[in-house]
Amino acid sequence: QVQLVESGGGLVQPGGSLRLSCAASGNIFSINVMVWYRQTPGKQRELVATITSAGSTNYADSVKGRFTISRENAKNTVYLQMNSLKPEDTAVYYCNLRWGPRAYWGRGTQVTVSS
């Protein structure tokens, strides 16, 4: 069984920074993709950033230049460094781990950007 646990969310002022972490445990295939999504009430879950086990990354246009995704394969951990945060970044952020037909989700961590 695979488990994902996110951490690092919280309240931050506009222009501030946060770093999210997601630690995966269990029987994990070494070649995989780790993804950060976010969701606000009444809206569909939105893809924020992806990173493959080889280190290739992709970002939503709304976060390019502000967010950076990275990972430590030895720790099965993915990070999301969020800078220059805006109120519209407020959401629950979810970690997703996938390979082949398998996909696993964390429970999410709340990020609130407000003065």
C-alpha atoms as a PDB file:
ATOM      1  CA  GLN A   1       0.000   0.000   0.000  1.00  0.00           C
ATOM      2  CA  VAL A   2       1.253   3.459  -0.875  1.00  0.00           C
ATOM      3  CA  GLN A   3       0.707   6.471   1.385  1.00  0.00           C
ATOM      4  CA  LEU A   4       1.372  10.120   0.686  1.00  0.00           C
ATOM      5  CA  VAL A   5       1.615  12.746   3.413  1.00  0.00           C
ATOM      6  CA  GLU A   6       1.744  16.441   2.589  1.00  0.00           C
ATOM      7  CA  SER A   7       3.073  19.126   4.918  1.00  0.00           C
ATOM      8  CA  GLY A   8       4.152  22.757   4.897  1.00  0.00           C
ATOM      9  CA  GLY A   9       0.893  24.544   4.260  1.00  0.00           C
ATOM     10  CA  GLY A  10      -0.258  27.543   6.243  1.00  0.00           C
ATOM     11  CA  LEU A  11      -1.148  31.214   6.188  1.00  0.00           C
ATOM     12  CA  VAL A  12       1.165  33.618   4.383  1.00  0.00           C
ATOM     13  CA  GLN A  13       0.923  37.224   3.268  1.00  0.00           C
ATOM     14  CA  PRO A  14       0.844  38.153  -0.416  1.00  0.00           C
ATOM     15  CA  GLY A  15       4.362  38.175  -1.802  1.00  0.00           C
ATOM     16  CA  GLY A  16       5.501  35.613   0.721  1.00  0.00           C
ATOM     17  CA  SER A  17       6.841  32.094   0.302  1.00  0.00           C
ATOM     18  CA  LEU A  18       6.008  28.578   1.428  1.00  0.00           C
ATOM     19  CA  ARG A  19       7.573  25.210   0.816  1.00  0.00           C
ATOM     20  CA  LEU A  20       5.339  22.169   0.601  1.00  0.00           C
ATOM     21  CA  SER A  21       6.593  18.634   1.064  1.00  0.00           C
ATOM     22  CA  CYS A  22       5.058  15.287   0.200  1.00  0.00           C
ATOM     23  CA  ALA A  23       6.560  12.081   1.494  1.00  0.00           C
ATOM     24  CA  ALA A  24       5.565   8.804  -0.114  1.00  0.00           C
ATOM     25  CA  SER A  25       5.922   5.425   1.547  1.00  0.00           C
ATOM     26  CA  GLY A  26       5.136   1.854   0.620  1.00  0.00           C
ATOM     27  CA  ASN A  27       5.783  -0.256  -2.442  1.00  0.00           C
ATOM     28  CA  ILE A  28       6.717   2.409  -4.998  1.00  0.00           C
ATOM     29  CA  PHE A  29       7.879   1.760  -8.537  1.00  0.00           C
ATOM     30  CA  SER A  30      11.110   3.635  -9.138  1.00  0.00           C
ATOM     31  CA  ILE A  31      10.021   5.122 -12.478  1.00  0.00           C
ATOM     32  CA  ASN A  32       7.131   7.419 -11.657  1.00  0.00           C
ATOM     33  CA  VAL A  33       5.707  10.898 -11.851  1.00  0.00           C
ATOM     34  CA  MET A  34       4.956  13.090  -8.858  1.00  0.00           C
ATOM     35  CA  VAL A  35       2.440  15.861  -9.257  1.00  0.00           C
ATOM     36  CA  TRP A  36       1.092  18.774  -7.243  1.00  0.00           C
ATOM     37  CA  TYR A  37      -2.535  19.730  -7.736  1.00  0.00           C
ATOM     38  CA  ARG A  38      -4.647  22.355  -6.026  1.00  0.00           C
ATOM     39  CA  GLN A  39      -8.352  22.846  -5.527  1.00  0.00           C
ATOM     40  CA  THR A  40     -10.623  25.597  -4.275  1.00  0.00           C
ATOM     41  CA  PRO A  41     -14.272  25.137  -3.269  1.00  0.00           C
ATOM     42  CA  GLY A  42     -16.578  24.792  -6.247  1.00  0.00           C
ATOM     43  CA  LYS A  43     -13.762  24.375  -8.745  1.00  0.00           C
ATOM     44  CA  GLN A  44     -12.099  21.422 -10.404  1.00  0.00           C
ATOM     45  CA  ARG A  45      -8.758  20.220  -9.189  1.00  0.00           C
ATOM     46  CA  GLU A  46      -6.016  22.053 -11.088  1.00  0.00           C
ATOM     47  CA  LEU A  47      -2.621  20.656 -12.041  1.00  0.00           C
ATOM     48  CA  VAL A  48       0.141  22.877 -10.668  1.00  0.00           C
ATOM     49  CA  ALA A  49       3.417  21.115 -11.457  1.00  0.00           C
ATOM     50  CA  THR A  50       4.806  17.709 -12.366  1.00  0.00           C
ATOM     51  CA  ILE A  51       8.189  16.059 -12.069  1.00  0.00           C
ATOM     52  CA  THR A  52       9.321  12.692 -13.383  1.00  0.00           C
ATOM     53  CA  SER A  53      11.758  10.393 -11.624  1.00  0.00           C
ATOM     54  CA  ALA A  54      14.311  11.554 -14.211  1.00  0.00           C
ATOM     55  CA  GLY A  55      13.783  15.165 -13.161  1.00  0.00           C
ATOM     56  CA  SER A  56      11.766  16.552 -16.051  1.00  0.00           C
ATOM     57  CA  THR A  57       9.360  19.246 -14.917  1.00  0.00           C
ATOM     58  CA  ASN A  58       6.239  20.948 -16.178  1.00  0.00           C
ATOM     59  CA  TYR A  59       4.235  23.846 -14.750  1.00  0.00           C
ATOM     60  CA  ALA A  60       0.846  25.443 -15.101  1.00  0.00           C
ATOM     61  CA  ASP A  61       1.108  28.848 -16.770  1.00  0.00           C
ATOM     62  CA  SER A  62      -0.316  30.489 -13.663  1.00  0.00           C
ATOM     63  CA  VAL A  63       2.682  29.464 -11.532  1.00  0.00           C
ATOM     64  CA  LYS A  64       5.577  29.554 -14.003  1.00  0.00           C
ATOM     65  CA  GLY A  65       8.449  31.635 -12.697  1.00  0.00           C
ATOM     66  CA  ARG A  66       7.069  31.590  -9.143  1.00  0.00           C
ATOM     67  CA  PHE A  67       6.866  27.915  -8.149  1.00  0.00           C
ATOM     68  CA  THR A  68       9.577  25.274  -8.347  1.00  0.00           C
ATOM     69  CA  ILE A  69       8.995  21.538  -8.060  1.00  0.00           C
ATOM     70  CA  SER A  70      11.819  19.230  -7.009  1.00  0.00           C
ATOM     71  CA  ARG A  71      12.246  15.754  -5.589  1.00  0.00           C
ATOM     72  CA  GLU A  72      14.555  13.486  -3.658  1.00  0.00           C
ATOM     73  CA  ASN A  73      14.206  10.019  -5.151  1.00  0.00           C
ATOM     74  CA  ALA A  74      16.059   8.323  -2.301  1.00  0.00           C
ATOM     75  CA  LYS A  75      13.454   9.708   0.115  1.00  0.00           C
ATOM     76  CA  ASN A  76      10.455   9.376  -2.238  1.00  0.00           C
ATOM     77  CA  THR A  77       9.733  12.992  -1.440  1.00  0.00           C
ATOM     78  CA  VAL A  78       8.572  15.828  -3.664  1.00  0.00           C
ATOM     79  CA  TYR A  79       8.699  19.524  -2.828  1.00  0.00           C
ATOM     80  CA  LEU A  80       6.956  22.614  -4.083  1.00  0.00           C
ATOM     81  CA  GLN A  81       8.727  25.894  -3.421  1.00  0.00           C
ATOM     82  CA  MET A  82       6.176  28.669  -3.801  1.00  0.00           C
ATOM     83  CA  ASN A  83       7.412  32.257  -4.059  1.00  0.00           C
ATOM     84  CA  SER A  84       5.669  35.565  -4.761  1.00  0.00           C
ATOM     85  CA  LEU A  85       2.424  34.073  -3.539  1.00  0.00           C
ATOM     86  CA  LYS A  86      -0.849  35.692  -4.563  1.00  0.00           C
ATOM     87  CA  PRO A  87      -4.315  35.493  -2.993  1.00  0.00           C
ATOM     88  CA  GLU A  88      -5.433  33.416  -5.979  1.00  0.00           C
ATOM     89  CA  ASP A  89      -2.932  30.732  -4.961  1.00  0.00           C
ATOM     90  CA  THR A  90      -5.144  30.018  -1.944  1.00  0.00           C
ATOM     91  CA  ALA A  91      -6.248  26.384  -2.184  1.00  0.00           C
ATOM     92  CA  VAL A  92      -5.849  22.921  -0.779  1.00  0.00           C
ATOM     93  CA  TYR A  93      -2.715  21.473  -2.349  1.00  0.00           C
ATOM     94  CA  TYR A  94      -2.635  17.752  -3.085  1.00  0.00           C
ATOM     95  CA  CYS A  95       0.235  15.451  -3.895  1.00  0.00           C
ATOM     96  CA  ASN A  96      -0.211  12.722  -6.501  1.00  0.00           C
ATOM     97  CA  LEU A  97       2.090   9.827  -7.321  1.00  0.00           C
ATOM     98  CA  ARG A  98       1.559   7.748 -10.440  1.00  0.00           C
ATOM     99  CA  TRP A  99       3.037   5.045 -12.628  1.00  0.00           C
ATOM    100  CA  GLY A 100       1.282   3.037 -15.308  1.00  0.00           C
ATOM    101  CA  PRO A 101      -2.388   2.682 -14.341  1.00  0.00           C
ATOM    102  CA  ARG A 102      -1.721   3.356 -10.652  1.00  0.00           C
ATOM    103  CA  ALA A 103      -2.326   6.697  -9.011  1.00  0.00           C
ATOM    104  CA  TYR A 104      -2.208   7.646  -5.338  1.00  0.00           C
ATOM    105  CA  TRP A 105      -3.283  10.803  -3.528  1.00  0.00           C
ATOM    106  CA  GLY A 106      -2.439  12.541  -0.325  1.00  0.00           C
ATOM    107  CA  ARG A 107      -5.056  14.188   1.888  1.00  0.00           C
ATOM    108  CA  GLY A 108      -3.951  17.708   1.051  1.00  0.00           C
ATOM    109  CA  THR A 109      -2.561  20.707   2.863  1.00  0.00           C
ATOM    110  CA  GLN A 110      -4.225  24.111   3.056  1.00  0.00           C
ATOM    111  CA  VAL A 111      -2.418  27.156   1.709  1.00  0.00           C
ATOM    112  CA  THR A 112      -3.978  30.528   2.444  1.00  0.00           C
ATOM    113  CA  VAL A 113      -2.541  33.743   1.023  1.00  0.00           C
ATOM    114  CA  SER A 114      -4.053  36.735   2.758  1.00  0.00           C
ATOM    115  CA  SER A 115      -3.096  39.968   4.451  1.00  0.00           C
END
